[in-house]
Amino acid sequence: MRTVGRTALALVSLLSAGLALTACTASDRPSTLTTTPTATAPAASDDRTSDEPSEPSQPSGPPCEPAQYQVTGEPGAKPTITVPTGCTPQNGLVVKDLTEGTGAEIKAGSTAELHYVLATFRDRKTREASWDTNKPLELKNIGQAQVIQGWNEGLIGLKEGGRRLLVVPSDKGYPNGKGDIRPGETLVFVVDAVKVQG
C-alpha cells in the first residue's frame, strides 16, 4: 500500500510538473508569435507606404554642402525648405545663418521666441511648422532646454531677427524616431529668432 501510494504520488507530481512545463511552453509560444506579427505587420505596411515614394530619394552620393539646402521666403514669413538630392547628410551638426540678425544674441541660458519649419531628409517632407499656428515657440534656458540637442547647440549665437539653417544628425535629434519620424532620420530646420531675452 505504501509503495503504491508513493508511486501514485510520484506520478501525480510528475504529471503536474509536465503540465506546468507544457503550460509555460504553450503560453510562451503564443506571446512570442503574437508579438512578432504585431511588430512586423505595422512595420511592413509602414515601409510599403513610406518606402515606395522615398525609394528613389534614399541618400547616396557625396556629403551635401550647406548651400545645397534651398530655403525660399523672406524673414518674417514662413520659409519653404528644399532638401537636396544626389548627396548624403553631412556628419555632425550643420549650422548656417541665412539672414544675419541685428538684435540680441542667443547665449547659454537665454529665452527666445522662435518660428521654425522642420523637414526630414530622407523623404524631403515638411513635418512641422510653428508658422501654421501663427504662434512662435517660447524656449527657455537655451543650451539646457527641453528640446533636441541639435537645437541646444545650434541656436547659440543666433541673433534676434536672424534666420538659421540647422541640419541635425539623428544622434542630436530623435535617434529612436518620434511619431512618423523614423529612427536614424536627419532633421532639417529653418529657425527664425523672433525675440531674444537674456
C-alpha atoms as a PDB file:
ATOM      1  CA  MET A   1       0.000   0.000   0.000  1.00  0.00           C
ATOM      2  CA  ARG A   2       2.750   2.398   0.911  1.00  0.00           C
ATOM      3  CA  THR A   3       4.625   1.618  -2.316  1.00  0.00           C
ATOM      4  CA  VAL A   4       1.502   2.168  -4.405  1.00  0.00           C
ATOM      5  CA  GLY A   5       0.767   5.366  -2.546  1.00  0.00           C
ATOM      6  CA  ARG A   6       4.293   6.654  -3.095  1.00  0.00           C
ATOM      7  CA  THR A   7       4.222   5.618  -6.750  1.00  0.00           C
ATOM      8  CA  ALA A   8       0.867   7.335  -7.228  1.00  0.00           C
ATOM      9  CA  LEU A   9       2.178  10.484  -5.546  1.00  0.00           C
ATOM     10  CA  ALA A  10       5.319  10.415  -7.713  1.00  0.00           C
ATOM     11  CA  LEU A  11       3.173  10.045 -10.850  1.00  0.00           C
ATOM     12  CA  VAL A  12       0.892  12.866  -9.799  1.00  0.00           C
ATOM     13  CA  SER A  13       3.952  15.069  -9.130  1.00  0.00           C
ATOM     14  CA  LEU A  14       5.479  14.199 -12.498  1.00  0.00           C
ATOM     15  CA  LEU A  15       2.215  14.829 -14.317  1.00  0.00           C
ATOM     16  CA  SER A  16       1.781  18.153 -12.538  1.00  0.00           C
ATOM     17  CA  ALA A  17       5.327  19.183 -13.472  1.00  0.00           C
ATOM     18  CA  GLY A  18       4.741  18.095 -17.061  1.00  0.00           C
ATOM     19  CA  LEU A  19       1.518  20.076 -17.244  1.00  0.00           C
ATOM     20  CA  ALA A  20       3.240  23.108 -15.755  1.00  0.00           C
ATOM     21  CA  LEU A  21       6.024  22.864 -18.344  1.00  0.00           C
ATOM     22  CA  THR A  22       3.513  22.418 -21.131  1.00  0.00           C
ATOM     23  CA  ALA A  23       1.531  25.385 -19.859  1.00  0.00           C
ATOM     24  CA  CYS A  24       4.654  27.561 -19.787  1.00  0.00           C
ATOM     25  CA  THR A  25       5.728  26.472 -23.234  1.00  0.00           C
ATOM     26  CA  ALA A  26       2.260  26.981 -24.687  1.00  0.00           C
ATOM     27  CA  SER A  27       1.878  30.419 -23.157  1.00  0.00           C
ATOM     28  CA  ASP A  28       5.363  31.424 -24.286  1.00  0.00           C
ATOM     29  CA  ARG A  29       4.739  30.433 -27.868  1.00  0.00           C
ATOM     30  CA  PRO A  30       1.567  32.442 -28.463  1.00  0.00           C
ATOM     31  CA  SER A  31       3.003  35.517 -26.741  1.00  0.00           C
ATOM     32  CA  THR A  32       6.094  35.321 -28.948  1.00  0.00           C
ATOM     33  CA  LEU A  33       4.041  34.671 -32.065  1.00  0.00           C
ATOM     34  CA  THR A  34       1.558  37.379 -31.181  1.00  0.00           C
ATOM     35  CA  THR A  35       4.279  39.943 -30.560  1.00  0.00           C
ATOM     36  CA  THR A  36       6.259  39.193 -33.693  1.00  0.00           C
ATOM     37  CA  PRO A  37       3.474  39.614 -36.271  1.00  0.00           C
ATOM     38  CA  THR A  38       2.131  42.682 -34.458  1.00  0.00           C
ATOM     39  CA  ALA A  39       5.549  44.306 -34.515  1.00  0.00           C
ATOM     40  CA  THR A  40       6.280  43.162 -38.060  1.00  0.00           C
ATOM     41  CA  ALA A  41       2.906  43.876 -39.658  1.00  0.00           C
ATOM     42  CA  PRO A  42       2.778  47.624 -38.983  1.00  0.00           C
ATOM     43  CA  ALA A  43       6.449  47.967 -39.871  1.00  0.00           C
ATOM     44  CA  ALA A  44       5.846  46.168 -43.158  1.00  0.00           C
ATOM     45  CA  SER A  45       2.824  48.283 -44.031  1.00  0.00           C
ATOM     46  CA  ASP A  46       4.643  51.467 -42.914  1.00  0.00           C
ATOM     47  CA  ASP A  47       7.606  50.506 -45.054  1.00  0.00           C
ATOM     48  CA  ARG A  48       5.401  49.936 -48.082  1.00  0.00           C
ATOM     49  CA  THR A  49       3.616  53.220 -47.582  1.00  0.00           C
ATOM     50  CA  SER A  50       6.652  55.396 -46.938  1.00  0.00           C
ATOM     51  CA  ASP A  51       9.411  53.467 -48.737  1.00  0.00           C
ATOM     52  CA  GLU A  52       7.744  53.358 -52.141  1.00  0.00           C
ATOM     53  CA  PRO A  53       7.711  57.124 -52.663  1.00  0.00           C
ATOM     54  CA  SER A  54      11.022  57.661 -50.860  1.00  0.00           C
ATOM     55  CA  GLU A  55      12.873  54.751 -52.520  1.00  0.00           C
ATOM     56  CA  PRO A  56      14.368  56.971 -55.263  1.00  0.00           C
ATOM     57  CA  SER A  57      15.465  59.534 -52.666  1.00  0.00           C
ATOM     58  CA  GLN A  58      17.463  57.185 -50.428  1.00  0.00           C
ATOM     59  CA  PRO A  59      20.593  59.158 -49.562  1.00  0.00           C
ATOM     60  CA  SER A  60      23.523  58.409 -51.834  1.00  0.00           C
ATOM     61  CA  GLY A  61      26.461  60.306 -53.220  1.00  0.00           C
ATOM     62  CA  PRO A  62      28.925  62.700 -51.590  1.00  0.00           C
ATOM     63  CA  PRO A  63      28.053  64.674 -48.438  1.00  0.00           C
ATOM     64  CA  CYS A  64      25.715  67.618 -49.118  1.00  0.00           C
ATOM     65  CA  GLU A  65      27.113  71.124 -48.927  1.00  0.00           C
ATOM     66  CA  PRO A  66      25.132  73.602 -46.779  1.00  0.00           C
ATOM     67  CA  ALA A  67      24.487  75.727 -49.903  1.00  0.00           C
ATOM     68  CA  GLN A  68      22.587  72.807 -51.483  1.00  0.00           C
ATOM     69  CA  TYR A  69      19.715  73.237 -48.998  1.00  0.00           C
ATOM     70  CA  GLN A  70      17.410  75.730 -50.694  1.00  0.00           C
ATOM     71  CA  VAL A  71      15.304  77.981 -48.468  1.00  0.00           C
ATOM     72  CA  THR A  72      12.823  80.386 -50.021  1.00  0.00           C
ATOM     73  CA  GLY A  73      10.700  83.026 -48.325  1.00  0.00           C
ATOM     74  CA  GLU A  74      11.580  86.299 -46.673  1.00  0.00           C
ATOM     75  CA  PRO A  75      12.476  86.525 -42.986  1.00  0.00           C
ATOM     76  CA  GLY A  76       9.300  87.186 -41.052  1.00  0.00           C
ATOM     77  CA  ALA A  77       7.322  84.846 -43.342  1.00  0.00           C
ATOM     78  CA  LYS A  78       7.066  81.042 -43.446  1.00  0.00           C
ATOM     79  CA  PRO A  79      10.020  79.603 -45.372  1.00  0.00           C
ATOM     80  CA  THR A  80       9.995  76.628 -47.721  1.00  0.00           C
ATOM     81  CA  ILE A  81      12.824  74.092 -47.449  1.00  0.00           C
ATOM     82  CA  THR A  82      14.020  72.116 -50.463  1.00  0.00           C
ATOM     83  CA  VAL A  83      16.186  69.218 -49.304  1.00  0.00           C
ATOM     84  CA  PRO A  84      18.891  68.346 -51.861  1.00  0.00           C
ATOM     85  CA  THR A  85      19.072  65.083 -53.788  1.00  0.00           C
ATOM     86  CA  GLY A  86      22.138  63.247 -55.055  1.00  0.00           C
ATOM     87  CA  CYS A  87      24.024  63.664 -51.789  1.00  0.00           C
ATOM     88  CA  THR A  88      24.039  62.299 -48.252  1.00  0.00           C
ATOM     89  CA  PRO A  89      23.703  64.176 -44.951  1.00  0.00           C
ATOM     90  CA  GLN A  90      26.962  65.516 -43.595  1.00  0.00           C
ATOM     91  CA  ASN A  91      28.463  64.152 -40.412  1.00  0.00           C
ATOM     92  CA  GLY A  92      27.748  66.313 -37.401  1.00  0.00           C
ATOM     93  CA  LEU A  93      25.540  69.334 -36.873  1.00  0.00           C
ATOM     94  CA  VAL A  94      25.384  71.890 -39.702  1.00  0.00           C
ATOM     95  CA  VAL A  95      24.697  75.495 -38.688  1.00  0.00           C
ATOM     96  CA  LYS A  96      24.343  78.209 -41.342  1.00  0.00           C
ATOM     97  CA  ASP A  97      22.963  81.716 -40.940  1.00  0.00           C
ATOM     98  CA  LEU A  98      20.654  82.531 -43.847  1.00  0.00           C
ATOM     99  CA  THR A  99      19.872  86.037 -42.570  1.00  0.00           C
ATOM    100  CA  GLU A 100      22.099  87.784 -40.048  1.00  0.00           C
ATOM    101  CA  GLY A 101      20.047  89.191 -37.200  1.00  0.00           C
ATOM    102  CA  THR A 102      20.683  92.627 -35.739  1.00  0.00           C
ATOM    103  CA  GLY A 103      19.193  92.226 -32.262  1.00  0.00           C
ATOM    104  CA  ALA A 104      20.209  90.440 -29.074  1.00  0.00           C
ATOM    105  CA  GLU A 105      22.163  87.199 -29.458  1.00  0.00           C
ATOM    106  CA  ILE A 106      21.087  83.845 -28.068  1.00  0.00           C
ATOM    107  CA  LYS A 107      23.529  82.716 -25.382  1.00  0.00           C
ATOM    108  CA  ALA A 108      23.506  79.779 -22.988  1.00  0.00           C
ATOM    109  CA  GLY A 109      20.571  80.357 -20.645  1.00  0.00           C
ATOM    110  CA  SER A 110      18.735  82.784 -22.967  1.00  0.00           C
ATOM    111  CA  THR A 111      14.989  82.767 -23.561  1.00  0.00           C
ATOM    112  CA  ALA A 112      13.810  83.206 -27.134  1.00  0.00           C
ATOM    113  CA  GLU A 113      10.648  83.190 -29.203  1.00  0.00           C
ATOM    114  CA  LEU A 114      11.295  81.149 -32.329  1.00  0.00           C
ATOM    115  CA  HIS A 115       9.445  80.332 -35.516  1.00  0.00           C
ATOM    116  CA  TYR A 116      10.568  77.145 -37.238  1.00  0.00           C
ATOM    117  CA  VAL A 117       9.927  74.732 -40.070  1.00  0.00           C
ATOM    118  CA  LEU A 118      11.047  71.091 -39.899  1.00  0.00           C
ATOM    119  CA  ALA A 119      11.657  68.828 -42.902  1.00  0.00           C
ATOM    120  CA  THR A 120      13.037  65.283 -42.940  1.00  0.00           C
ATOM    121  CA  PHE A 121      15.988  64.497 -45.179  1.00  0.00           C
ATOM    122  CA  ARG A 122      15.060  61.025 -46.423  1.00  0.00           C
ATOM    123  CA  ASP A 123      11.625  61.843 -47.844  1.00  0.00           C
ATOM    124  CA  ARG A 124      12.112  65.645 -48.163  1.00  0.00           C
ATOM    125  CA  LYS A 125       8.751  66.275 -46.457  1.00  0.00           C
ATOM    126  CA  THR A 126       7.832  69.212 -44.249  1.00  0.00           C
ATOM    127  CA  ARG A 127       6.764  67.749 -40.897  1.00  0.00           C
ATOM    128  CA  GLU A 128       6.048  70.731 -38.651  1.00  0.00           C
ATOM    129  CA  ALA A 129       5.852  74.497 -38.854  1.00  0.00           C
ATOM    130  CA  SER A 130       5.132  76.879 -35.999  1.00  0.00           C
ATOM    131  CA  TRP A 131       4.012  79.334 -38.686  1.00  0.00           C
ATOM    132  CA  ASP A 132       0.884  77.194 -39.208  1.00  0.00           C
ATOM    133  CA  THR A 133      -0.411  78.245 -35.780  1.00  0.00           C
ATOM    134  CA  ASN A 134       0.991  81.774 -36.204  1.00  0.00           C
ATOM    135  CA  LYS A 135       2.491  81.436 -32.727  1.00  0.00           C
ATOM    136  CA  PRO A 136       6.243  81.252 -32.164  1.00  0.00           C
ATOM    137  CA  LEU A 137       7.649  78.697 -29.747  1.00  0.00           C
ATOM    138  CA  GLU A 138       8.950  80.185 -26.492  1.00  0.00           C
ATOM    139  CA  LEU A 139      12.104  78.374 -25.441  1.00  0.00           C
ATOM    140  CA  LYS A 140      13.759  78.978 -22.056  1.00  0.00           C
ATOM    141  CA  ASN A 141      17.253  78.176 -20.837  1.00  0.00           C
ATOM    142  CA  ILE A 142      18.673  77.512 -24.297  1.00  0.00           C
ATOM    143  CA  GLY A 143      21.675  75.230 -24.064  1.00  0.00           C
ATOM    144  CA  GLN A 144      19.879  73.146 -21.428  1.00  0.00           C
ATOM    145  CA  ALA A 145      16.310  73.439 -22.741  1.00  0.00           C
ATOM    146  CA  GLN A 146      13.922  70.507 -23.014  1.00  0.00           C
ATOM    147  CA  VAL A 147      14.466  70.162 -26.763  1.00  0.00           C
ATOM    148  CA  ILE A 148      16.714  68.103 -29.017  1.00  0.00           C
ATOM    149  CA  GLN A 149      20.453  68.547 -28.560  1.00  0.00           C
ATOM    150  CA  GLY A 150      20.753  69.912 -32.089  1.00  0.00           C
ATOM    151  CA  TRP A 151      18.718  72.949 -31.002  1.00  0.00           C
ATOM    152  CA  ASN A 152      20.556  73.438 -27.709  1.00  0.00           C
ATOM    153  CA  GLU A 153      23.841  73.533 -29.619  1.00  0.00           C
ATOM    154  CA  GLY A 154      22.713  75.060 -32.906  1.00  0.00           C
ATOM    155  CA  LEU A 155      20.746  78.058 -31.622  1.00  0.00           C
ATOM    156  CA  ILE A 156      23.634  79.598 -29.686  1.00  0.00           C
ATOM    157  CA  GLY A 157      24.782  82.737 -31.499  1.00  0.00           C
ATOM    158  CA  LEU A 158      21.564  83.284 -33.479  1.00  0.00           C
ATOM    159  CA  LYS A 159      20.530  86.940 -33.225  1.00  0.00           C
ATOM    160  CA  GLU A 160      17.041  88.409 -32.956  1.00  0.00           C
ATOM    161  CA  GLY A 161      15.733  88.994 -36.473  1.00  0.00           C
ATOM    162  CA  GLY A 162      18.010  86.286 -37.862  1.00  0.00           C
ATOM    163  CA  ARG A 163      17.185  83.099 -39.758  1.00  0.00           C
ATOM    164  CA  ARG A 164      19.295  79.963 -39.413  1.00  0.00           C
ATOM    165  CA  LEU A 165      19.511  76.583 -41.149  1.00  0.00           C
ATOM    166  CA  LEU A 166      20.140  73.618 -38.846  1.00  0.00           C
ATOM    167  CA  VAL A 167      20.831  70.184 -40.311  1.00  0.00           C
ATOM    168  CA  VAL A 168      20.633  67.859 -37.326  1.00  0.00           C
ATOM    169  CA  PRO A 169      22.012  64.299 -37.385  1.00  0.00           C
ATOM    170  CA  SER A 170      19.863  61.681 -35.688  1.00  0.00           C
ATOM    171  CA  ASP A 171      22.124  61.388 -32.637  1.00  0.00           C
ATOM    172  CA  LYS A 172      21.370  65.049 -31.863  1.00  0.00           C
ATOM    173  CA  GLY A 173      17.707  64.735 -32.888  1.00  0.00           C
ATOM    174  CA  TYR A 174      15.499  61.669 -32.494  1.00  0.00           C
ATOM    175  CA  PRO A 175      17.837  58.649 -32.684  1.00  0.00           C
ATOM    176  CA  ASN A 176      14.939  56.274 -31.948  1.00  0.00           C
ATOM    177  CA  GLY A 177      12.443  58.184 -34.067  1.00  0.00           C
ATOM    178  CA  LYS A 178       9.409  60.110 -32.901  1.00  0.00           C
ATOM    179  CA  GLY A 179       5.869  59.861 -34.247  1.00  0.00           C
ATOM    180  CA  ASP A 180       6.169  59.438 -38.008  1.00  0.00           C
ATOM    181  CA  ILE A 181       9.861  60.407 -37.999  1.00  0.00           C
ATOM    182  CA  ARG A 182      11.914  57.264 -38.496  1.00  0.00           C
ATOM    183  CA  PRO A 183      14.875  56.236 -36.342  1.00  0.00           C
ATOM    184  CA  GLY A 184      18.146  57.487 -37.792  1.00  0.00           C
ATOM    185  CA  GLU A 185      16.497  60.374 -39.670  1.00  0.00           C
ATOM    186  CA  THR A 186      18.360  63.628 -40.367  1.00  0.00           C
ATOM    187  CA  LEU A 187      16.272  66.682 -39.469  1.00  0.00           C
ATOM    188  CA  VAL A 188      16.387  69.923 -41.456  1.00  0.00           C
ATOM    189  CA  PHE A 189      15.200  73.053 -39.633  1.00  0.00           C
ATOM    190  CA  VAL A 190      14.918  76.681 -40.588  1.00  0.00           C
ATOM    191  CA  VAL A 191      14.632  78.752 -37.409  1.00  0.00           C
ATOM    192  CA  ASP A 192      13.756  82.454 -37.117  1.00  0.00           C
ATOM    193  CA  ALA A 193      14.617  84.298 -33.902  1.00  0.00           C
ATOM    194  CA  VAL A 194      11.571  86.499 -33.328  1.00  0.00           C
ATOM    195  CA  LYS A 195      12.606  87.770 -29.880  1.00  0.00           C
ATOM    196  CA  VAL A 196      15.653  87.103 -27.701  1.00  0.00           C
ATOM    197  CA  GLN A 197      15.961  87.867 -23.975  1.00  0.00           C
ATOM    198  CA  GLY A 198      18.936  87.415 -21.694  1.00  0.00           C
END
